[in-house]
Amino acid sequence: MMKNVSYNLHESHTVEHLLLFVALVVLAVVVTGCYSFRGGSVPEHIHTMSVASVIDRSGFGDPAFREFCTETLVRRFRSDNSVQLVEDNGDARLSSVLTRVQDQIVTVQSGDLENQRRIVVAVEAEYFDAVKNKVVWKKTFENFDVYNVADATEGRRLAAERALRRIADDILLASVSDW
């Protein structure tokens, strides 16, 4: 008889744990449904957006970075779907200038040989509300990535692209949430 009581107590704890688990899962689903990672939304009067080609004033001399930045911004806004992208005359306009691409030493091996380099990228972006005819924000977004010197040309390009992707994400987030 004692075994049966022990089993029932164990079974009772299992049911309590299961109910607690189900309650936590339901709570997590409800909270996730109510929370937005954006922290805001695009105003009601903004339905379309024009994204201008990025201008390169960095002096680095690689047009691929400017083109990559433009394409990445357009891709990010299209995939986010907060606004419809249009060629010209959007309710909002995004203009960006690549202001800095700088290659820096990160680590040095024995014998004073470089091992890794960092590429720092900065983009100044302006978000303009064409409906209300005002600049919503103008900010400089900066990011970096590290690459191995052994693969300098390709490594530099890939590191710059990773930094530009993060900058594009930051610009998108600022555009849809900083109202």
C-alpha atoms as a PDB file:
ATOM      1  CA  MET A   1       0.000   0.000   0.000  1.00  0.00           C
ATOM      2  CA  MET A   2       2.847   2.374   0.774  1.00  0.00           C
ATOM      3  CA  LYS A   3       4.242   1.887  -2.736  1.00  0.00           C
ATOM      4  CA  ASN A   4       0.984   3.015  -4.238  1.00  0.00           C
ATOM      5  CA  VAL A   5       0.992   6.225  -2.148  1.00  0.00           C
ATOM      6  CA  SER A   6       4.544   6.952  -3.228  1.00  0.00           C
ATOM      7  CA  TYR A   7       3.603   6.398  -6.845  1.00  0.00           C
ATOM      8  CA  ASN A   8       0.614   8.718  -6.553  1.00  0.00           C
ATOM      9  CA  LEU A   9       2.800  11.453  -5.025  1.00  0.00           C
ATOM     10  CA  HIS A  10       5.274  11.075  -7.879  1.00  0.00           C
ATOM     11  CA  GLU A  11       2.457  11.119 -10.414  1.00  0.00           C
ATOM     12  CA  SER A  12       1.014  14.222  -8.737  1.00  0.00           C
ATOM     13  CA  HIS A  13       4.356  16.056  -9.069  1.00  0.00           C
ATOM     14  CA  THR A  14       4.604  15.027 -12.718  1.00  0.00           C
ATOM     15  CA  VAL A  15       1.159  16.457 -13.432  1.00  0.00           C
ATOM     16  CA  GLU A  16       2.047  19.673 -11.588  1.00  0.00           C
ATOM     17  CA  HIS A  17       5.270  19.983 -13.596  1.00  0.00           C
ATOM     18  CA  LEU A  18       3.401  19.359 -16.835  1.00  0.00           C
ATOM     19  CA  LEU A  19       0.772  21.993 -15.984  1.00  0.00           C
ATOM     20  CA  LEU A  20       3.489  24.465 -15.018  1.00  0.00           C
ATOM     21  CA  PHE A  21       5.315  23.804 -18.282  1.00  0.00           C
ATOM     22  CA  VAL A  22       2.131  24.279 -20.341  1.00  0.00           C
ATOM     23  CA  ALA A  23       1.349  27.514 -18.475  1.00  0.00           C
ATOM     24  CA  LEU A  24       4.861  28.843 -19.170  1.00  0.00           C
ATOM     25  CA  VAL A  25       4.619  27.965 -22.859  1.00  0.00           C
ATOM     26  CA  VAL A  26       1.238  29.690 -23.149  1.00  0.00           C
ATOM     27  CA  LEU A  27       2.610  32.749 -21.344  1.00  0.00           C
ATOM     28  CA  ALA A  28       5.629  32.854 -23.650  1.00  0.00           C
ATOM     29  CA  VAL A  29       3.400  32.703 -26.742  1.00  0.00           C
ATOM     30  CA  VAL A  30       1.139  35.469 -25.432  1.00  0.00           C
ATOM     31  CA  VAL A  31       4.063  37.727 -24.487  1.00  0.00           C
ATOM     32  CA  THR A  32       5.793  37.132 -27.831  1.00  0.00           C
ATOM     33  CA  GLY A  33       2.608  38.045 -29.667  1.00  0.00           C
ATOM     34  CA  CYS A  34       2.384  41.355 -27.797  1.00  0.00           C
ATOM     35  CA  TYR A  35       6.000  42.422 -28.060  1.00  0.00           C
ATOM     36  CA  SER A  36       7.614  43.927 -31.136  1.00  0.00           C
ATOM     37  CA  PHE A  37      11.371  43.966 -31.581  1.00  0.00           C
ATOM     38  CA  ARG A  38      11.036  47.161 -33.560  1.00  0.00           C
ATOM     39  CA  GLY A  39       9.876  49.262 -30.636  1.00  0.00           C
ATOM     40  CA  GLY A  40       7.630  51.312 -32.909  1.00  0.00           C
ATOM     41  CA  SER A  41       6.142  51.446 -36.341  1.00  0.00           C
ATOM     42  CA  VAL A  42       6.042  53.565 -39.444  1.00  0.00           C
ATOM     43  CA  PRO A  43       3.489  56.404 -39.178  1.00  0.00           C
ATOM     44  CA  GLU A  44       0.093  55.930 -40.858  1.00  0.00           C
ATOM     45  CA  HIS A  45       0.826  58.543 -43.543  1.00  0.00           C
ATOM     46  CA  ILE A  46       3.982  56.764 -44.800  1.00  0.00           C
ATOM     47  CA  HIS A  47       3.075  54.094 -47.356  1.00  0.00           C
ATOM     48  CA  THR A  48       5.925  54.326 -49.851  1.00  0.00           C
ATOM     49  CA  MET A  49       9.640  54.977 -49.669  1.00  0.00           C
ATOM     50  CA  SER A  50      12.360  55.901 -52.131  1.00  0.00           C
ATOM     51  CA  VAL A  51      15.872  54.641 -51.405  1.00  0.00           C
ATOM     52  CA  ALA A  52      18.476  56.710 -53.231  1.00  0.00           C
ATOM     53  CA  SER A  53      21.702  55.164 -54.489  1.00  0.00           C
ATOM     54  CA  VAL A  54      24.429  55.434 -51.899  1.00  0.00           C
ATOM     55  CA  ILE A  55      27.009  58.140 -52.595  1.00  0.00           C
ATOM     56  CA  ASP A  56      30.663  57.298 -51.842  1.00  0.00           C
ATOM     57  CA  ARG A  57      32.650  60.055 -50.165  1.00  0.00           C
ATOM     58  CA  SER A  58      34.914  57.696 -48.250  1.00  0.00           C
ATOM     59  CA  GLY A  59      37.926  58.172 -50.490  1.00  0.00           C
ATOM     60  CA  PHE A  60      38.582  54.423 -50.295  1.00  0.00           C
ATOM     61  CA  GLY A  61      38.130  54.047 -54.035  1.00  0.00           C
ATOM     62  CA  ASP A  62      36.161  50.789 -54.283  1.00  0.00           C
ATOM     63  CA  PRO A  63      32.799  51.375 -56.024  1.00  0.00           C
ATOM     64  CA  ALA A  64      31.729  47.842 -55.104  1.00  0.00           C
ATOM     65  CA  PHE A  65      31.104  48.956 -51.500  1.00  0.00           C
ATOM     66  CA  ARG A  66      28.741  51.747 -52.577  1.00  0.00           C
ATOM     67  CA  GLU A  67      26.833  49.395 -54.881  1.00  0.00           C
ATOM     68  CA  PHE A  68      26.696  46.647 -52.259  1.00  0.00           C
ATOM     69  CA  CYS A  69      25.383  49.104 -49.653  1.00  0.00           C
ATOM     70  CA  THR A  70      22.623  50.342 -51.989  1.00  0.00           C
ATOM     71  CA  GLU A  71      21.564  46.813 -52.926  1.00  0.00           C
ATOM     72  CA  THR A  72      21.593  45.668 -49.304  1.00  0.00           C
ATOM     73  CA  LEU A  73      19.453  48.594 -48.137  1.00  0.00           C
ATOM     74  CA  VAL A  74      16.897  47.952 -50.884  1.00  0.00           C
ATOM     75  CA  ARG A  75      16.847  44.219 -50.087  1.00  0.00           C
ATOM     76  CA  ARG A  76      16.389  44.855 -46.338  1.00  0.00           C
ATOM     77  CA  PHE A  77      13.486  47.272 -46.843  1.00  0.00           C
ATOM     78  CA  ARG A  78      11.801  44.951 -49.340  1.00  0.00           C
ATOM     79  CA  SER A  79      12.061  41.960 -47.029  1.00  0.00           C
ATOM     80  CA  ASP A  80      10.835  43.962 -44.011  1.00  0.00           C
ATOM     81  CA  ASN A  81       7.683  44.992 -45.872  1.00  0.00           C
ATOM     82  CA  SER A  82       6.958  47.979 -43.579  1.00  0.00           C
ATOM     83  CA  VAL A  83       6.651  50.269 -46.593  1.00  0.00           C
ATOM     84  CA  GLN A  84       6.422  49.773 -50.329  1.00  0.00           C
ATOM     85  CA  LEU A  85       9.584  50.765 -52.184  1.00  0.00           C
ATOM     86  CA  VAL A  86       9.184  53.074 -55.168  1.00  0.00           C
ATOM     87  CA  GLU A  87      11.748  54.565 -57.544  1.00  0.00           C
ATOM     88  CA  ASP A  88      10.882  58.231 -56.964  1.00  0.00           C
ATOM     89  CA  ASN A  89       8.575  60.468 -54.954  1.00  0.00           C
ATOM     90  CA  GLY A  90       8.010  58.160 -51.990  1.00  0.00           C
ATOM     91  CA  ASP A  91       6.168  59.354 -48.904  1.00  0.00           C
ATOM     92  CA  ALA A  92       9.572  58.958 -47.247  1.00  0.00           C
ATOM     93  CA  ARG A  93      13.073  59.152 -48.721  1.00  0.00           C
ATOM     94  CA  LEU A  94      16.273  57.565 -47.527  1.00  0.00           C
ATOM     95  CA  SER A  95      19.553  59.103 -48.661  1.00  0.00           C
ATOM     96  CA  SER A  96      22.882  57.585 -47.641  1.00  0.00           C
ATOM     97  CA  VAL A  97      26.516  58.578 -47.991  1.00  0.00           C
ATOM     98  CA  LEU A  98      29.411  56.175 -47.446  1.00  0.00           C
ATOM     99  CA  THR A  99      31.641  58.485 -45.409  1.00  0.00           C
ATOM    100  CA  ARG A 100      34.358  56.178 -44.161  1.00  0.00           C
ATOM    101  CA  VAL A 101      36.051  52.942 -45.158  1.00  0.00           C
ATOM    102  CA  GLN A 102      39.189  52.517 -43.120  1.00  0.00           C
ATOM    103  CA  ASP A 103      41.563  49.576 -42.944  1.00  0.00           C
ATOM    104  CA  GLN A 104      43.324  49.201 -39.573  1.00  0.00           C
ATOM    105  CA  ILE A 105      45.858  46.824 -38.014  1.00  0.00           C
ATOM    106  CA  VAL A 106      44.327  44.569 -35.356  1.00  0.00           C
ATOM    107  CA  THR A 107      46.928  41.969 -34.389  1.00  0.00           C
ATOM    108  CA  VAL A 108      50.610  41.521 -35.065  1.00  0.00           C
ATOM    109  CA  GLN A 109      52.432  38.174 -35.033  1.00  0.00           C
ATOM    110  CA  SER A 110      55.937  37.622 -33.783  1.00  0.00           C
ATOM    111  CA  GLY A 111      58.451  39.306 -36.058  1.00  0.00           C
ATOM    112  CA  ASP A 112      56.196  42.368 -36.452  1.00  0.00           C
ATOM    113  CA  LEU A 113      54.058  40.753 -39.154  1.00  0.00           C
ATOM    114  CA  GLU A 114      50.389  41.681 -39.411  1.00  0.00           C
ATOM    115  CA  ASN A 115      47.988  38.857 -38.740  1.00  0.00           C
ATOM    116  CA  GLN A 116      44.555  40.478 -38.829  1.00  0.00           C
ATOM    117  CA  ARG A 117      43.088  43.758 -40.015  1.00  0.00           C
ATOM    118  CA  ARG A 118      39.843  45.522 -39.249  1.00  0.00           C
ATOM    119  CA  ILE A 119      37.795  47.357 -41.805  1.00  0.00           C
ATOM    120  CA  VAL A 120      35.672  50.153 -40.326  1.00  0.00           C
ATOM    121  CA  VAL A 121      32.746  51.437 -42.366  1.00  0.00           C
ATOM    122  CA  ALA A 122      30.546  54.481 -41.692  1.00  0.00           C
ATOM    123  CA  VAL A 123      27.385  55.515 -43.507  1.00  0.00           C
ATOM    124  CA  GLU A 124      25.610  58.800 -42.901  1.00  0.00           C
ATOM    125  CA  ALA A 125      21.902  58.371 -43.598  1.00  0.00           C
ATOM    126  CA  GLU A 126      19.050  60.843 -43.713  1.00  0.00           C
ATOM    127  CA  TYR A 127      15.419  59.808 -43.382  1.00  0.00           C
ATOM    128  CA  PHE A 128      13.063  62.429 -44.824  1.00  0.00           C
ATOM    129  CA  ASP A 129       9.274  62.505 -44.396  1.00  0.00           C
ATOM    130  CA  ALA A 130       8.124  63.948 -47.745  1.00  0.00           C
ATOM    131  CA  VAL A 131       4.490  64.165 -46.632  1.00  0.00           C
ATOM    132  CA  LYS A 132       5.273  66.448 -43.682  1.00  0.00           C
ATOM    133  CA  ASN A 133       8.315  67.917 -45.481  1.00  0.00           C
ATOM    134  CA  LYS A 134      10.737  67.366 -42.605  1.00  0.00           C
ATOM    135  CA  VAL A 135      13.875  65.413 -41.799  1.00  0.00           C
ATOM    136  CA  VAL A 136      12.929  62.704 -39.300  1.00  0.00           C
ATOM    137  CA  TRP A 137      16.545  61.879 -38.476  1.00  0.00           C
ATOM    138  CA  LYS A 138      20.050  62.178 -39.796  1.00  0.00           C
ATOM    139  CA  LYS A 139      22.560  59.777 -38.256  1.00  0.00           C
ATOM    140  CA  THR A 140      25.916  58.191 -38.856  1.00  0.00           C
ATOM    141  CA  PHE A 141      25.949  54.413 -38.578  1.00  0.00           C
ATOM    142  CA  GLU A 142      29.302  52.725 -38.066  1.00  0.00           C
ATOM    143  CA  ASN A 143      30.346  49.104 -37.924  1.00  0.00           C
ATOM    144  CA  PHE A 144      33.446  46.981 -38.508  1.00  0.00           C
ATOM    145  CA  ASP A 145      34.606  43.471 -39.191  1.00  0.00           C
ATOM    146  CA  VAL A 146      37.954  41.682 -38.961  1.00  0.00           C
ATOM    147  CA  TYR A 147      39.720  39.667 -41.661  1.00  0.00           C
ATOM    148  CA  ASN A 148      42.966  37.705 -41.961  1.00  0.00           C
ATOM    149  CA  VAL A 149      45.809  39.380 -43.838  1.00  0.00           C
ATOM    150  CA  ALA A 150      46.642  36.071 -45.537  1.00  0.00           C
ATOM    151  CA  ASP A 151      43.498  36.542 -47.632  1.00  0.00           C
ATOM    152  CA  ALA A 152      43.668  40.338 -47.859  1.00  0.00           C
ATOM    153  CA  THR A 153      41.706  41.165 -51.016  1.00  0.00           C
ATOM    154  CA  GLU A 154      38.826  38.728 -50.582  1.00  0.00           C
ATOM    155  CA  GLY A 155      38.909  38.991 -46.797  1.00  0.00           C
ATOM    156  CA  ARG A 156      38.675  42.782 -46.916  1.00  0.00           C
ATOM    157  CA  ARG A 157      35.736  42.638 -49.317  1.00  0.00           C
ATOM    158  CA  LEU A 158      33.845  40.081 -47.206  1.00  0.00           C
ATOM    159  CA  ALA A 159      34.551  41.965 -43.973  1.00  0.00           C
ATOM    160  CA  ALA A 160      33.291  45.226 -45.503  1.00  0.00           C
ATOM    161  CA  GLU A 161      30.157  43.460 -46.745  1.00  0.00           C
ATOM    162  CA  ARG A 162      29.447  42.019 -43.277  1.00  0.00           C
ATOM    163  CA  ALA A 163      29.851  45.488 -41.736  1.00  0.00           C
ATOM    164  CA  LEU A 164      27.609  47.024 -44.422  1.00  0.00           C
ATOM    165  CA  ARG A 165      24.914  44.395 -43.801  1.00  0.00           C
ATOM    166  CA  ARG A 166      24.878  45.276 -40.110  1.00  0.00           C
ATOM    167  CA  ILE A 167      24.704  48.978 -40.973  1.00  0.00           C
ATOM    168  CA  ALA A 168      21.776  48.310 -43.337  1.00  0.00           C
ATOM    169  CA  ASP A 169      19.999  46.462 -40.506  1.00  0.00           C
ATOM    170  CA  ASP A 170      20.613  49.423 -38.177  1.00  0.00           C
ATOM    171  CA  ILE A 171      19.295  51.897 -40.774  1.00  0.00           C
ATOM    172  CA  LEU A 172      16.190  49.773 -41.323  1.00  0.00           C
ATOM    173  CA  LEU A 173      15.566  49.543 -37.590  1.00  0.00           C
ATOM    174  CA  ALA A 174      15.986  53.309 -37.176  1.00  0.00           C
ATOM    175  CA  SER A 175      13.649  53.937 -40.108  1.00  0.00           C
ATOM    176  CA  VAL A 176      10.786  51.805 -38.845  1.00  0.00           C
ATOM    177  CA  SER A 177      11.086  52.489 -35.135  1.00  0.00           C
ATOM    178  CA  ASP A 178      12.486  55.966 -34.407  1.00  0.00           C
ATOM    179  CA  TRP A 179       9.232  57.903 -34.671  1.00  0.00           C
END
